[in-house]
């Protein structure tokens, strides 16, 4: 019984941590009419276990939380983005196909990692999550491009 309670408490904590990243982005994107937001949320781990990226037609917002020895460290980096860059990214996904996707993973509940993706553009708004590195074909090109942007933040 004790093990079950511990497991349930851990799942709730992990879900809350992933939600915290998404909530921060939601606050920063509240006034935006279009955005793409994405990130990872992992179960028990060390290193970068939470990261998120928000893209609008004019800015990038990147947040990462790392765990090492001691308390977690959170960094938020904002930088300008171009309308052309936005158009290239949003063009990598069919908004109509994305609007009807219904995917909700919880790999983080079992010490895995989830990748979440939300898009608001062209009159649609939807969010999905799936197991890290098991990108649905409808969003494969977009997730690869977003991961490339995130890698640039991590290289600095």
Protein backbone atom coordinates (compact mmCIF):
# COMPACT_ATOMS: atom_id res chain seq x y z
CA UNK A 1 0.00 0.00 0.00
CA UNK A 2 2.84 2.35 0.89
CA UNK A 3 4.49 1.71 -2.50
CA UNK A 4 1.26 2.56 -4.33
CA UNK A 5 0.91 5.84 -2.43
CA UNK A 6 4.52 6.74 -3.17
CA UNK A 7 4.03 5.95 -6.85
CA UNK A 8 0.85 8.06 -7.07
CA UNK A 9 2.52 10.99 -5.25
CA UNK A 10 5.50 10.81 -7.61
CA UNK A 11 3.22 10.84 -10.69
CA UNK A 12 1.35 13.87 -9.40
CA UNK A 13 4.60 15.71 -8.73
CA UNK A 14 5.99 14.89 -12.17
CA UNK A 15 2.81 15.96 -13.93
CA UNK A 16 2.81 19.21 -11.96
CA UNK A 17 6.43 19.92 -12.96
CA UNK A 18 5.64 19.55 -16.66
CA UNK A 19 2.59 21.76 -16.22
CA UNK A 20 4.69 24.47 -14.58
CA UNK A 21 6.76 24.85 -17.74
CA UNK A 22 3.66 25.06 -19.89
CA UNK A 23 1.97 27.52 -17.49
CA UNK A 24 4.95 29.90 -17.64
CA UNK A 25 4.79 29.89 -21.42
CA UNK A 26 1.03 30.43 -21.35
CA UNK A 27 1.49 33.57 -19.25
CA UNK A 28 4.18 34.93 -21.58
CA UNK A 29 2.06 34.09 -24.64
CA UNK A 30 -1.26 35.41 -23.32
CA UNK A 31 -1.29 38.44 -25.61
CA UNK A 32 0.00 36.55 -28.65
CA UNK A 33 -2.47 35.62 -31.38
CA UNK A 34 -0.17 32.94 -32.85
CA UNK A 35 2.41 30.67 -31.28
CA UNK A 36 4.06 27.29 -31.22
CA UNK A 37 5.12 25.95 -27.83
CA UNK A 38 6.96 22.76 -27.15
CA UNK A 39 9.11 21.03 -24.57
CA UNK A 40 10.12 17.90 -22.78
CA UNK A 41 9.18 16.69 -19.36
CA UNK A 42 10.99 13.72 -17.86
CA UNK A 43 10.57 11.50 -14.86
CA UNK A 44 13.35 10.98 -12.33
CA UNK A 45 16.62 12.10 -13.86
CA UNK A 46 19.64 14.37 -13.61
CA UNK A 47 20.71 17.04 -16.07
CA UNK A 48 18.17 18.85 -18.26
CA UNK A 49 14.83 17.27 -17.34
CA UNK A 50 12.50 20.10 -18.28
CA UNK A 51 12.82 22.44 -21.19
CA UNK A 52 10.40 24.47 -23.23
CA UNK A 53 10.44 26.69 -26.27
CA UNK A 54 7.83 29.17 -27.40
CA UNK A 55 7.93 30.63 -30.89
CA UNK A 56 5.87 33.60 -32.10
CA UNK A 57 6.16 35.53 -35.34
CA UNK A 58 8.58 37.92 -33.60
CA UNK A 59 10.26 36.18 -30.65
CA UNK A 60 11.67 32.98 -29.16
CA UNK A 61 11.40 32.16 -25.45
CA UNK A 62 13.48 29.25 -24.17
CA UNK A 63 13.34 27.87 -20.64
CA UNK A 64 15.36 24.99 -19.21
CA UNK A 65 15.59 23.53 -15.74
CA UNK A 66 18.61 21.43 -14.80
CA UNK A 67 19.24 19.28 -11.78
CA UNK A 68 22.67 18.54 -10.48
CA UNK A 69 24.06 18.64 -6.98
CA UNK A 70 21.63 20.81 -5.05
CA UNK A 71 18.58 22.78 -6.06
CA UNK A 72 17.31 22.96 -9.63
CA UNK A 73 18.56 25.82 -11.77
CA UNK A 74 16.15 27.54 -14.18
CA UNK A 75 17.20 29.77 -17.06
CA UNK A 76 14.92 31.78 -19.35
CA UNK A 77 16.30 33.21 -22.58
CA UNK A 78 14.34 35.47 -24.93
CA UNK A 79 15.46 36.62 -28.35
CA UNK A 80 14.02 38.16 -31.49
CA UNK A 81 12.63 35.99 -34.28
CA UNK A 82 11.63 36.87 -37.83
CA UNK A 83 8.30 36.67 -39.64
CA UNK A 84 10.08 34.62 -42.36
CA UNK A 85 11.36 32.17 -39.74
CA UNK A 86 7.82 31.87 -38.34
CA UNK A 87 6.35 31.21 -41.78
CA UNK A 88 8.98 28.52 -42.43
CA UNK A 89 8.17 26.76 -39.13
CA UNK A 90 4.38 26.92 -39.33
CA UNK A 91 4.62 25.70 -42.93
CA UNK A 92 6.13 22.42 -41.71
CA UNK A 93 2.81 21.17 -40.33
CA UNK A 94 -0.71 20.89 -41.72
CA UNK A 95 -2.77 22.90 -39.25
CA UNK A 96 -5.91 20.97 -40.23
CA UNK A 97 -4.23 17.62 -39.43
CA UNK A 98 -2.77 18.98 -36.20
CA UNK A 99 -6.14 20.34 -35.06
CA UNK A 100 -7.64 16.83 -34.91
CA UNK A 101 -4.68 15.00 -33.30
CA UNK A 102 -5.55 13.58 -29.89
CA UNK A 103 -2.36 12.30 -28.26
CA UNK A 104 -1.63 12.26 -24.52
CA UNK A 105 1.41 10.38 -23.25
CA UNK A 106 2.58 9.89 -19.69
CA UNK A 107 6.03 8.37 -20.16
CA UNK A 108 7.30 10.78 -17.48
CA UNK A 109 5.13 8.89 -14.99
CA UNK A 110 7.40 5.87 -15.49
CA UNK A 111 10.80 7.61 -15.54
CA UNK A 112 10.60 8.29 -19.28
CA UNK A 113 10.30 11.55 -21.17
CA UNK A 114 7.31 13.15 -22.87
CA UNK A 115 7.46 15.68 -25.67
CA UNK A 116 4.59 18.15 -25.74
CA UNK A 117 3.57 20.44 -28.56
CA UNK A 118 0.95 23.18 -28.74
CA UNK A 119 0.02 25.35 -31.71
CA UNK A 120 -2.28 28.35 -32.00
CA UNK A 121 -2.43 29.65 -35.55
CA UNK A 122 -4.83 30.06 -38.45
CA UNK A 123 -7.90 29.73 -36.24
CA UNK A 124 -6.84 26.42 -34.67
CA UNK A 125 -5.53 25.67 -31.20
CA UNK A 126 -4.47 22.22 -30.01
CA UNK A 127 -1.92 20.56 -27.71
CA UNK A 128 -0.59 17.02 -27.78
CA UNK A 129 2.06 14.99 -25.95
CA UNK A 130 3.87 11.84 -26.97
CA UNK A 131 6.84 9.71 -25.95
CA UNK A 132 10.14 11.46 -26.62
CA UNK A 133 11.66 10.42 -29.97
CA UNK A 134 8.41 8.79 -31.15
CA UNK A 135 7.29 11.81 -33.19
CA UNK A 136 3.95 11.35 -34.97
CA UNK A 137 4.43 11.71 -38.75
CA UNK A 138 2.08 14.71 -38.84
CA UNK A 139 4.55 16.77 -36.75
CA UNK A 140 7.89 15.08 -37.48
CA UNK A 141 9.38 17.88 -39.60
CA UNK A 142 8.20 20.57 -37.19
CA UNK A 143 9.55 18.80 -34.09
CA UNK A 144 12.93 18.31 -35.75
CA UNK A 145 13.09 22.02 -36.64
CA UNK A 146 12.07 23.04 -33.10
CA UNK A 147 14.66 20.69 -31.60
CA UNK A 148 17.28 22.32 -33.83
CA UNK A 149 16.35 25.72 -32.40
CA UNK A 150 16.52 24.36 -28.83
CA UNK A 151 19.93 22.84 -29.55
CA UNK A 152 21.23 26.30 -30.48
CA UNK A 153 20.23 27.57 -27.02
CA UNK A 154 21.93 24.61 -25.36
CA UNK A 155 25.15 25.12 -27.32
CA UNK A 156 25.56 28.60 -25.83
